[in-house]
Amino acid sequence: MAKTSLSLADPDTENDFAIVRRVLAGEQTAFACLMRLFNRQLYRLARSVMGDDAEAEDAPRDAYLSAYRSLSNFSGEPSLGTGFSRFVINKRLRGCDAGTADRA
């Protein structure tokens, strides 16, 4: 039986490829599905590493924009969830570097 739904309880590369194919094929609801799949997880991560609600709200959106622009290059490594998480953490690290440079 083929998998037809995507859930965080079963985030595997096969599902990642399926949703990426749907987005690239022009299915307008597919990217919204992807966002619903990861929104809560990304916001929680952003809130824990950024400590600021406004920045935490922006981080998932920025991750989605970045991913959308490069979906045609998706290879499955890292998984979408890992890639989104890395983006949020790297955004925080870049913010720390910018703050350090401003104080120097």
PDB file of N, CA and C in Angstrom:
ATOM      1  N   MET A   1       0.844  -1.171   0.000  1.00  0.00           N
ATOM      2  CA  MET A   1       0.000   0.000   0.000  1.00  0.00           C
ATOM      3  C   MET A   1       0.895   1.243   0.000  1.00  0.00           C
ATOM      4  N   ALA A   2       0.652   2.177  -0.891  1.00  0.00           N
ATOM      5  CA  ALA A   2       1.463   3.394  -1.007  1.00  0.00           C
ATOM      6  C   ALA A   2       1.075   4.402   0.057  1.00  0.00           C
ATOM      7  N   LYS A   3       2.066   5.150   0.505  1.00  0.00           N
ATOM      8  CA  LYS A   3       1.808   6.208   1.471  1.00  0.00           C
ATOM      9  C   LYS A   3       1.193   7.399   0.751  1.00  0.00           C
ATOM     10  N   THR A   4       0.138   7.957   1.329  1.00  0.00           N
ATOM     11  CA  THR A   4      -0.491   9.105   0.701  1.00  0.00           C
ATOM     12  C   THR A   4      -0.494  10.330   1.590  1.00  0.00           C
ATOM     13  N   SER A   5      -0.267  10.156   2.868  1.00  0.00           N
ATOM     14  CA  SER A   5      -0.264  11.314   3.756  1.00  0.00           C
ATOM     15  C   SER A   5       1.129  11.528   4.310  1.00  0.00           C
ATOM     16  N   LEU A   6       1.393  12.756   4.674  1.00  0.00           N
ATOM     17  CA  LEU A   6       2.684  13.113   5.235  1.00  0.00           C
ATOM     18  C   LEU A   6       2.473  13.521   6.678  1.00  0.00           C
ATOM     19  N   SER A   7       3.322  13.038   7.559  1.00  0.00           N
ATOM     20  CA  SER A   7       3.198  13.417   8.957  1.00  0.00           C
ATOM     21  C   SER A   7       4.563  13.420   9.610  1.00  0.00           C
ATOM     22  N   LEU A   8       4.693  14.206  10.663  1.00  0.00           N
ATOM     23  CA  LEU A   8       5.956  14.231  11.383  1.00  0.00           C
ATOM     24  C   LEU A   8       6.216  12.910  12.085  1.00  0.00           C
ATOM     25  N   ALA A   9       5.180  12.117  12.284  1.00  0.00           N
ATOM     26  CA  ALA A   9       5.367  10.823  12.921  1.00  0.00           C
ATOM     27  C   ALA A   9       6.109   9.862  11.988  1.00  0.00           C
ATOM     28  N   ASP A  10       6.125  10.175  10.683  1.00  0.00           N
ATOM     29  CA  ASP A  10       6.764   9.292   9.721  1.00  0.00           C
ATOM     30  C   ASP A  10       7.538  10.112   8.678  1.00  0.00           C
ATOM     31  N   PRO A  11       8.493  10.942   9.132  1.00  0.00           N
ATOM     32  CA  PRO A  11       9.194  11.796   8.176  1.00  0.00           C
ATOM     33  C   PRO A  11      10.365  11.065   7.535  1.00  0.00           C
ATOM     34  N   ASP A  12      10.144  10.430   6.396  1.00  0.00           N
ATOM     35  CA  ASP A  12      11.242   9.740   5.737  1.00  0.00           C
ATOM     36  C   ASP A  12      11.526  10.378   4.382  1.00  0.00           C
ATOM     37  N   THR A  13      12.645  10.012   3.816  1.00  0.00           N
ATOM     38  CA  THR A  13      13.086  10.611   2.565  1.00  0.00           C
ATOM     39  C   THR A  13      12.088  10.367   1.445  1.00  0.00           C
ATOM     40  N   GLU A  14      11.431   9.216   1.450  1.00  0.00           N
ATOM     41  CA  GLU A  14      10.436   8.940   0.414  1.00  0.00           C
ATOM     42  C   GLU A  14       9.331   9.994   0.446  1.00  0.00           C
ATOM     43  N   ASN A  15       8.869  10.346   1.628  1.00  0.00           N
ATOM     44  CA  ASN A  15       7.861  11.392   1.765  1.00  0.00           C
ATOM     45  C   ASN A  15       8.428  12.735   1.331  1.00  0.00           C
ATOM     46  N   ASP A  16       9.674  13.027   1.688  1.00  0.00           N
ATOM     47  CA  ASP A  16      10.302  14.280   1.284  1.00  0.00           C
ATOM     48  C   ASP A  16      10.315  14.390  -0.237  1.00  0.00           C
ATOM     49  N   PHE A  17      10.735  13.331  -0.902  1.00  0.00           N
ATOM     50  CA  PHE A  17      10.769  13.339  -2.362  1.00  0.00           C
ATOM     51  C   PHE A  17       9.369  13.499  -2.947  1.00  0.00           C
ATOM     52  N   ALA A  18       8.392  12.861  -2.347  1.00  0.00           N
ATOM     53  CA  ALA A  18       7.018  12.940  -2.846  1.00  0.00           C
ATOM     54  C   ALA A  18       6.509  14.375  -2.798  1.00  0.00           C
ATOM     55  N   ILE A  19       6.718  15.040  -1.693  1.00  0.00           N
ATOM     56  CA  ILE A  19       6.211  16.403  -1.594  1.00  0.00           C
ATOM     57  C   ILE A  19       7.006  17.361  -2.474  1.00  0.00           C
ATOM     58  N   VAL A  20       8.298  17.157  -2.599  1.00  0.00           N
ATOM     59  CA  VAL A  20       9.110  17.998  -3.483  1.00  0.00           C
ATOM     60  C   VAL A  20       8.646  17.822  -4.929  1.00  0.00           C
ATOM     61  N   ARG A  21       8.392  16.597  -5.330  1.00  0.00           N
ATOM     62  CA  ARG A  21       7.887  16.349  -6.705  1.00  0.00           C
ATOM     63  C   ARG A  21       6.566  17.068  -6.934  1.00  0.00           C
ATOM     64  N   ARG A  22       5.682  17.032  -5.932  1.00  0.00           N
ATOM     65  CA  ARG A  22       4.375  17.704  -6.051  1.00  0.00           C
ATOM     66  C   ARG A  22       4.554  19.207  -6.201  1.00  0.00           C
ATOM     67  N   VAL A  23       5.443  19.796  -5.417  1.00  0.00           N
ATOM     68  CA  VAL A  23       5.684  21.240  -5.513  1.00  0.00           C
ATOM     69  C   VAL A  23       6.262  21.584  -6.881  1.00  0.00           C
ATOM     70  N   LEU A  24       7.263  20.838  -7.303  1.00  0.00           N
ATOM     71  CA  LEU A  24       7.906  21.115  -8.585  1.00  0.00           C
ATOM     72  C   LEU A  24       6.965  20.893  -9.767  1.00  0.00           C
ATOM     73  N   ALA A  25       5.966  20.041  -9.590  1.00  0.00           N
ATOM     74  CA  ALA A  25       4.975  19.806 -10.642  1.00  0.00           C
ATOM     75  C   ALA A  25       3.927  20.914 -10.683  1.00  0.00           C
ATOM     76  N   GLY A  26       4.018  21.857  -9.750  1.00  0.00           N
ATOM     77  CA  GLY A  26       3.107  22.994  -9.764  1.00  0.00           C
ATOM     78  C   GLY A  26       1.871  22.832  -8.906  1.00  0.00           C
ATOM     79  N   GLU A  27       1.839  21.816  -8.076  1.00  0.00           N
ATOM     80  CA  GLU A  27       0.678  21.617  -7.197  1.00  0.00           C
ATOM     81  C   GLU A  27       0.708  22.688  -6.105  1.00  0.00           C
ATOM     82  N   GLN A  28      -0.213  23.621  -6.185  1.00  0.00           N
ATOM     83  CA  GLN A  28      -0.174  24.790  -5.317  1.00  0.00           C
ATOM     84  C   GLN A  28      -0.340  24.469  -3.837  1.00  0.00           C
ATOM     85  N   THR A  29      -1.056  23.438  -3.504  1.00  0.00           N
ATOM     86  CA  THR A  29      -1.281  23.112  -2.098  1.00  0.00           C
ATOM     87  C   THR A  29      -0.141  22.304  -1.478  1.00  0.00           C
ATOM     88  N   ALA A  30       0.758  21.794  -2.300  1.00  0.00           N
ATOM     89  CA  ALA A  30       1.814  20.921  -1.790  1.00  0.00           C
ATOM     90  C   ALA A  30       2.765  21.657  -0.859  1.00  0.00           C
ATOM     91  N   PHE A  31       3.146  22.880  -1.207  1.00  0.00           N
ATOM     92  CA  PHE A  31       4.072  23.598  -0.337  1.00  0.00           C
ATOM     93  C   PHE A  31       3.395  23.998   0.968  1.00  0.00           C
ATOM     94  N   ALA A  32       2.113  24.323   0.899  1.00  0.00           N
ATOM     95  CA  ALA A  32       1.358  24.619   2.124  1.00  0.00           C
ATOM     96  C   ALA A  32       1.332  23.386   3.027  1.00  0.00           C
ATOM     97  N   CYS A  33       1.204  22.211   2.429  1.00  0.00           N
ATOM     98  CA  CYS A  33       1.242  20.956   3.185  1.00  0.00           C
ATOM     99  C   CYS A  33       2.594  20.809   3.872  1.00  0.00           C
ATOM    100  N   LEU A  34       3.646  21.109   3.142  1.00  0.00           N
ATOM    101  CA  LEU A  34       5.000  21.031   3.685  1.00  0.00           C
ATOM    102  C   LEU A  34       5.146  21.974   4.880  1.00  0.00           C
ATOM    103  N   MET A  35       4.619  23.179   4.752  1.00  0.00           N
ATOM    104  CA  MET A  35       4.716  24.151   5.839  1.00  0.00           C
ATOM    105  C   MET A  35       3.936  23.681   7.067  1.00  0.00           C
ATOM    106  N   ARG A  36       2.732  23.163   6.853  1.00  0.00           N
ATOM    107  CA  ARG A  36       1.955  22.647   7.987  1.00  0.00           C
ATOM    108  C   ARG A  36       2.680  21.507   8.670  1.00  0.00           C
ATOM    109  N   LEU A  37       3.376  20.719   7.893  1.00  0.00           N
ATOM    110  CA  LEU A  37       4.094  19.564   8.417  1.00  0.00           C
ATOM    111  C   LEU A  37       5.189  19.973   9.402  1.00  0.00           C
ATOM    112  N   PHE A  38       5.867  21.079   9.119  1.00  0.00           N
ATOM    113  CA  PHE A  38       7.031  21.468   9.917  1.00  0.00           C
ATOM    114  C   PHE A  38       6.841  22.721  10.767  1.00  0.00           C
ATOM    115  N   ASN A  39       5.734  23.442  10.630  1.00  0.00           N
ATOM    116  CA  ASN A  39       5.573  24.733  11.313  1.00  0.00           C
ATOM    117  C   ASN A  39       5.810  24.676  12.818  1.00  0.00           C
ATOM    118  N   ARG A  40       5.128  23.805  13.495  1.00  0.00           N
ATOM    119  CA  ARG A  40       5.221  23.742  14.959  1.00  0.00           C
ATOM    120  C   ARG A  40       6.647  23.411  15.401  1.00  0.00           C
ATOM    121  N   GLN A  41       7.235  22.414  14.747  1.00  0.00           N
ATOM    122  CA  GLN A  41       8.596  21.986  15.083  1.00  0.00           C
ATOM    123  C   GLN A  41       9.591  23.139  14.877  1.00  0.00           C
ATOM    124  N   LEU A  42       9.476  23.841  13.752  1.00  0.00           N
ATOM    125  CA  LEU A  42      10.424  24.926  13.471  1.00  0.00           C
ATOM    126  C   LEU A  42      10.230  26.107  14.405  1.00  0.00           C
ATOM    127  N   TYR A  43       8.978  26.437  14.708  1.00  0.00           N
ATOM    128  CA  TYR A  43       8.747  27.553  15.624  1.00  0.00           C
ATOM    129  C   TYR A  43       9.320  27.229  17.005  1.00  0.00           C
ATOM    130  N   ARG A  44       9.091  26.021  17.486  1.00  0.00           N
ATOM    131  CA  ARG A  44       9.629  25.638  18.802  1.00  0.00           C
ATOM    132  C   ARG A  44      11.157  25.720  18.819  1.00  0.00           C
ATOM    133  N   LEU A  45      11.777  25.225  17.760  1.00  0.00           N
ATOM    134  CA  LEU A  45      13.233  25.301  17.675  1.00  0.00           C
ATOM    135  C   LEU A  45      13.689  26.754  17.635  1.00  0.00           C
ATOM    136  N   ALA A  46      13.060  27.553  16.785  1.00  0.00           N
ATOM    137  CA  ALA A  46      13.439  28.966  16.666  1.00  0.00           C
ATOM    138  C   ALA A  46      13.249  29.688  17.986  1.00  0.00           C
ATOM    139  N   ARG A  47      12.167  29.426  18.678  1.00  0.00           N
ATOM    140  CA  ARG A  47      11.894  30.084  19.964  1.00  0.00           C
ATOM    141  C   ARG A  47      12.955  29.696  20.993  1.00  0.00           C
ATOM    142  N   SER A  48      13.387  28.441  20.951  1.00  0.00           N
ATOM    143  CA  SER A  48      14.363  28.002  21.953  1.00  0.00           C
ATOM    144  C   SER A  48      15.758  28.552  21.672  1.00  0.00           C
ATOM    145  N   VAL A  49      16.135  28.709  20.409  1.00  0.00           N
ATOM    146  CA  VAL A  49      17.487  29.183  20.125  1.00  0.00           C
ATOM    147  C   VAL A  49      17.568  30.696  19.977  1.00  0.00           C
ATOM    148  N   MET A  50      16.459  31.344  19.642  1.00  0.00           N
ATOM    149  CA  MET A  50      16.502  32.791  19.419  1.00  0.00           C
ATOM    150  C   MET A  50      16.064  33.586  20.628  1.00  0.00           C
ATOM    151  N   GLY A  51      15.159  33.039  21.407  1.00  0.00           N
ATOM    152  CA  GLY A  51      14.731  33.715  22.613  1.00  0.00           C
ATOM    153  C   GLY A  51      13.890  34.957  22.376  1.00  0.00           C
ATOM    154  N   ASP A  52      13.507  35.226  21.158  1.00  0.00           N
ATOM    155  CA  ASP A  52      12.715  36.404  20.824  1.00  0.00           C
ATOM    156  C   ASP A  52      11.553  35.954  19.949  1.00  0.00           C
ATOM    157  N   ASP A  53      10.331  36.281  20.361  1.00  0.00           N
ATOM    158  CA  ASP A  53       9.159  35.816  19.627  1.00  0.00           C
ATOM    159  C   ASP A  53       9.123  36.304  18.183  1.00  0.00           C
ATOM    160  N   ALA A  54       9.464  37.564  17.948  1.00  0.00           N
ATOM    161  CA  ALA A  54       9.415  38.108  16.586  1.00  0.00           C
ATOM    162  C   ALA A  54      10.408  37.385  15.677  1.00  0.00           C
ATOM    163  N   GLU A  55      11.617  37.180  16.157  1.00  0.00           N
ATOM    164  CA  GLU A  55      12.615  36.452  15.368  1.00  0.00           C
ATOM    165  C   GLU A  55      12.193  34.995  15.171  1.00  0.00           C
ATOM    166  N   ALA A  56      11.616  34.413  16.203  1.00  0.00           N
ATOM    167  CA  ALA A  56      11.178  33.019  16.116  1.00  0.00           C
ATOM    168  C   ALA A  56      10.052  32.861  15.090  1.00  0.00           C
ATOM    169  N   GLU A  57       9.209  33.860  14.958  1.00  0.00           N
ATOM    170  CA  GLU A  57       8.139  33.807  13.959  1.00  0.00           C
ATOM    171  C   GLU A  57       8.688  33.976  12.549  1.00  0.00           C
ATOM    172  N   ASP A  58       9.747  34.761  12.391  1.00  0.00           N
ATOM    173  CA  ASP A  58      10.344  34.994  11.075  1.00  0.00           C
ATOM    174  C   ASP A  58      11.167  33.804  10.580  1.00  0.00           C
ATOM    175  N   ALA A  59      11.806  33.096  11.470  1.00  0.00           N
ATOM    176  CA  ALA A  59      12.750  32.049  11.080  1.00  0.00           C
ATOM    177  C   ALA A  59      12.123  30.945  10.227  1.00  0.00           C
ATOM    178  N   PRO A  60      10.971  30.375  10.605  1.00  0.00           N
ATOM    179  CA  PRO A  60      10.390  29.342   9.741  1.00  0.00           C
ATOM    180  C   PRO A  60      10.050  29.889   8.351  1.00  0.00           C
ATOM    181  N   ARG A  61       9.492  31.090   8.302  1.00  0.00           N
ATOM    182  CA  ARG A  61       9.155  31.683   7.005  1.00  0.00           C
ATOM    183  C   ARG A  61      10.397  31.813   6.132  1.00  0.00           C
ATOM    184  N   ASP A  62      11.475  32.291   6.724  1.00  0.00           N
ATOM    185  CA  ASP A  62      12.725  32.439   5.978  1.00  0.00           C
ATOM    186  C   ASP A  62      13.259  31.087   5.512  1.00  0.00           C
ATOM    187  N   ALA A  63      13.112  30.075   6.356  1.00  0.00           N
ATOM    188  CA  ALA A  63      13.549  28.722   5.983  1.00  0.00           C
ATOM    189  C   ALA A  63      12.735  28.205   4.801  1.00  0.00           C
ATOM    190  N   TYR A  64      11.415  28.448   4.825  1.00  0.00           N
ATOM    191  CA  TYR A  64      10.563  27.999   3.729  1.00  0.00           C
ATOM    192  C   TYR A  64      10.920  28.712   2.423  1.00  0.00           C
ATOM    193  N   LEU A  65      11.167  30.016   2.491  1.00  0.00           N
ATOM    194  CA  LEU A  65      11.540  30.764   1.287  1.00  0.00           C
ATOM    195  C   LEU A  65      12.843  30.238   0.693  1.00  0.00           C
ATOM    196  N   SER A  66      13.807  30.012   1.559  1.00  0.00           N
ATOM    197  CA  SER A  66      15.087  29.487   1.106  1.00  0.00           C
ATOM    198  C   SER A  66      14.916  28.108   0.463  1.00  0.00           C
ATOM    199  N   ALA A  67      14.128  27.261   1.100  1.00  0.00           N
ATOM    200  CA  ALA A  67      13.897  25.916   0.573  1.00  0.00           C
ATOM    201  C   ALA A  67      13.171  25.974  -0.766  1.00  0.00           C
ATOM    202  N   TYR A  68      12.174  26.822  -0.869  1.00  0.00           N
ATOM    203  CA  TYR A  68      11.404  26.912  -2.108  1.00  0.00           C
ATOM    204  C   TYR A  68      12.305  27.285  -3.282  1.00  0.00           C
ATOM    205  N   ARG A  69      13.214  28.199  -3.031  1.00  0.00           N
ATOM    206  CA  ARG A  69      14.121  28.655  -4.087  1.00  0.00           C
ATOM    207  C   ARG A  69      15.082  27.562  -4.555  1.00  0.00           C
ATOM    208  N   SER A  70      15.326  26.578  -3.715  1.00  0.00           N
ATOM    209  CA  SER A  70      16.318  25.562  -4.087  1.00  0.00           C
ATOM    210  C   SER A  70      15.749  24.141  -4.142  1.00  0.00           C
ATOM    211  N   LEU A  71      14.436  24.006  -4.216  1.00  0.00           N
ATOM    212  CA  LEU A  71      13.831  22.668  -4.234  1.00  0.00           C
ATOM    213  C   LEU A  71      14.295  21.818  -5.408  1.00  0.00           C
ATOM    214  N   SER A  72      14.586  22.432  -6.529  1.00  0.00           N
ATOM    215  CA  SER A  72      15.003  21.641  -7.692  1.00  0.00           C
ATOM    216  C   SER A  72      16.336  20.944  -7.453  1.00  0.00           C
ATOM    217  N   ASN A  73      17.083  21.385  -6.445  1.00  0.00           N
ATOM    218  CA  ASN A  73      18.369  20.767  -6.107  1.00  0.00           C
ATOM    219  C   ASN A  73      18.253  19.736  -4.990  1.00  0.00           C
ATOM    220  N   PHE A  74      17.040  19.481  -4.497  1.00  0.00           N
ATOM    221  CA  PHE A  74      16.860  18.576  -3.361  1.00  0.00           C
ATOM    222  C   PHE A  74      17.314  17.169  -3.706  1.00  0.00           C
ATOM    223  N   SER A  75      18.220  16.635  -2.885  1.00  0.00           N
ATOM    224  CA  SER A  75      18.760  15.295  -3.121  1.00  0.00           C
ATOM    225  C   SER A  75      18.329  14.294  -2.055  1.00  0.00           C
ATOM    226  N   GLY A  76      17.687  14.765  -1.010  1.00  0.00           N
ATOM    227  CA  GLY A  76      17.291  13.871   0.070  1.00  0.00           C
ATOM    228  C   GLY A  76      18.252  13.907   1.240  1.00  0.00           C
ATOM    229  N   GLU A  77      19.389  14.530   1.054  1.00  0.00           N
ATOM    230  CA  GLU A  77      20.389  14.661   2.115  1.00  0.00           C
ATOM    231  C   GLU A  77      20.736  16.122   2.287  1.00  0.00           C
ATOM    232  N   PRO A  78      20.451  16.722   3.365  1.00  0.00           N
ATOM    233  CA  PRO A  78      19.714  16.180   4.508  1.00  0.00           C
ATOM    234  C   PRO A  78      18.222  16.112   4.196  1.00  0.00           C
ATOM    235  N   SER A  79      17.479  15.484   5.087  1.00  0.00           N
ATOM    236  CA  SER A  79      16.028  15.451   4.933  1.00  0.00           C
ATOM    237  C   SER A  79      15.496  16.875   5.024  1.00  0.00           C
ATOM    238  N   LEU A  80      14.267  17.080   4.598  1.00  0.00           N
ATOM    239  CA  LEU A  80      13.688  18.421   4.661  1.00  0.00           C
ATOM    240  C   LEU A  80      13.671  18.948   6.099  1.00  0.00           C
ATOM    241  N   GLY A  81      13.247  18.116   7.028  1.00  0.00           N
ATOM    242  CA  GLY A  81      13.183  18.548   8.425  1.00  0.00           C
ATOM    243  C   GLY A  81      14.543  18.949   8.968  1.00  0.00           C
ATOM    244  N   THR A  82      15.553  18.165   8.658  1.00  0.00           N
ATOM    245  CA  THR A  82      16.911  18.483   9.099  1.00  0.00           C
ATOM    246  C   THR A  82      17.396  19.761   8.430  1.00  0.00           C
ATOM    247  N   GLY A  83      17.108  19.902   7.147  1.00  0.00           N
ATOM    248  CA  GLY A  83      17.511  21.106   6.427  1.00  0.00           C
ATOM    249  C   GLY A  83      16.866  22.348   7.004  1.00  0.00           C
ATOM    250  N   PHE A  84      15.563  22.278   7.301  1.00  0.00           N
ATOM    251  CA  PHE A  84      14.874  23.421   7.906  1.00  0.00           C
ATOM    252  C   PHE A  84      15.472  23.748   9.266  1.00  0.00           C
ATOM    253  N   SER A  85      15.733  22.728  10.060  1.00  0.00           N
ATOM    254  CA  SER A  85      16.303  22.950  11.398  1.00  0.00           C
ATOM    255  C   SER A  85      17.680  23.589  11.307  1.00  0.00           C
ATOM    256  N   ARG A  86      18.502  23.108  10.385  1.00  0.00           N
ATOM    257  CA  ARG A  86      19.833  23.693  10.201  1.00  0.00           C
ATOM    258  C   ARG A  86      19.727  25.156   9.806  1.00  0.00           C
ATOM    259  N   PHE A  87      18.769  25.467   8.929  1.00  0.00           N
ATOM    260  CA  PHE A  87      18.596  26.849   8.494  1.00  0.00           C
ATOM    261  C   PHE A  87      18.308  27.744   9.693  1.00  0.00           C
ATOM    262  N   VAL A  88      17.389  27.320  10.556  1.00  0.00           N
ATOM    263  CA  VAL A  88      17.016  28.118  11.729  1.00  0.00           C
ATOM    264  C   VAL A  88      18.217  28.306  12.657  1.00  0.00           C
ATOM    265  N   ILE A  89      18.944  27.241  12.913  1.00  0.00           N
ATOM    266  CA  ILE A  89      20.115  27.337  13.794  1.00  0.00           C
ATOM    267  C   ILE A  89      21.186  28.216  13.164  1.00  0.00           C
ATOM    268  N   ASN A  90      21.435  28.040  11.873  1.00  0.00           N
ATOM    269  CA  ASN A  90      22.437  28.879  11.201  1.00  0.00           C
ATOM    270  C   ASN A  90      22.030  30.344  11.175  1.00  0.00           C
ATOM    271  N   LYS A  91      20.746  30.601  11.042  1.00  0.00           N
ATOM    272  CA  LYS A  91      20.266  31.987  11.085  1.00  0.00           C
ATOM    273  C   LYS A  91      20.603  32.599  12.441  1.00  0.00           C
ATOM    274  N   ARG A  92      20.415  31.845  13.492  1.00  0.00           N
ATOM    275  CA  ARG A  92      20.749  32.331  14.836  1.00  0.00           C
ATOM    276  C   ARG A  92      22.250  32.559  14.957  1.00  0.00           C
ATOM    277  N   LEU A  93      23.030  31.630  14.457  1.00  0.00           N
ATOM    278  CA  LEU A  93      24.485  31.776  14.539  1.00  0.00           C
ATOM    279  C   LEU A  93      24.963  32.992  13.746  1.00  0.00           C
ATOM    280  N   ARG A  94      24.386  33.227  12.577  1.00  0.00           N
ATOM    281  CA  ARG A  94      24.743  34.415  11.799  1.00  0.00           C
ATOM    282  C   ARG A  94      24.369  35.680  12.554  1.00  0.00           C
ATOM    283  N   GLY A  95      23.242  35.642  13.248  1.00  0.00           N
ATOM    284  CA  GLY A  95      22.826  36.792  14.056  1.00  0.00           C
ATOM    285  C   GLY A  95      23.805  37.048  15.192  1.00  0.00           C
ATOM    286  N   CYS A  96      24.310  36.002  15.799  1.00  0.00           N
ATOM    287  CA  CYS A  96      25.304  36.148  16.866  1.00  0.00           C
ATOM    288  C   CYS A  96      26.597  36.738  16.314  1.00  0.00           C
ATOM    289  N   ASP A  97      27.032  36.266  15.137  1.00  0.00           N
ATOM    290  CA  ASP A  97      28.238  36.791  14.520  1.00  0.00           C
ATOM    291  C   ASP A  97      28.076  38.271  14.201  1.00  0.00           C
ATOM    292  N   ALA A  98      26.917  38.671  13.685  1.00  0.00           N
ATOM    293  CA  ALA A  98      26.669  40.069  13.343  1.00  0.00           C
ATOM    294  C   ALA A  98      26.687  40.920  14.604  1.00  0.00           C
ATOM    295  N   GLY A  99      26.105  40.406  15.681  1.00  0.00           N
ATOM    296  CA  GLY A  99      26.104  41.149  16.942  1.00  0.00           C
ATOM    297  C   GLY A  99      27.486  41.315  17.516  1.00  0.00           C
ATOM    298  N   THR A 100      28.307  40.298  17.369  1.00  0.00           N
ATOM    299  CA  THR A 100      29.689  40.360  17.835  1.00  0.00           C
ATOM    300  C   THR A 100      30.468  41.373  17.018  1.00  0.00           C
ATOM    301  N   ALA A 101      30.262  41.379  15.709  1.00  0.00           N
ATOM    302  CA  ALA A 101      30.990  42.320  14.844  1.00  0.00           C
ATOM    303  C   ALA A 101      30.580  43.758  15.142  1.00  0.00           C
ATOM    304  N   ASP A 102      29.306  43.968  15.462  1.00  0.00           N
ATOM    305  CA  ASP A 102      28.825  45.319  15.771  1.00  0.00           C
ATOM    306  C   ASP A 102      29.457  45.871  17.042  1.00  0.00           C
ATOM    307  N   ARG A 103      29.749  44.969  17.984  1.00  0.00           N
ATOM    308  CA  ARG A 103      30.298  45.410  19.274  1.00  0.00           C
ATOM    309  C   ARG A 103      31.812  45.639  19.215  1.00  0.00           C
ATOM    310  N   ALA A 104      32.472  45.126  18.203  1.00  0.00           N
ATOM    311  CA  ALA A 104      33.933  45.223  18.125  1.00  0.00           C
ATOM    312  C   ALA A 104      34.394  46.621  17.736  1.00  0.00           C
TER     313      ALA A 104
END
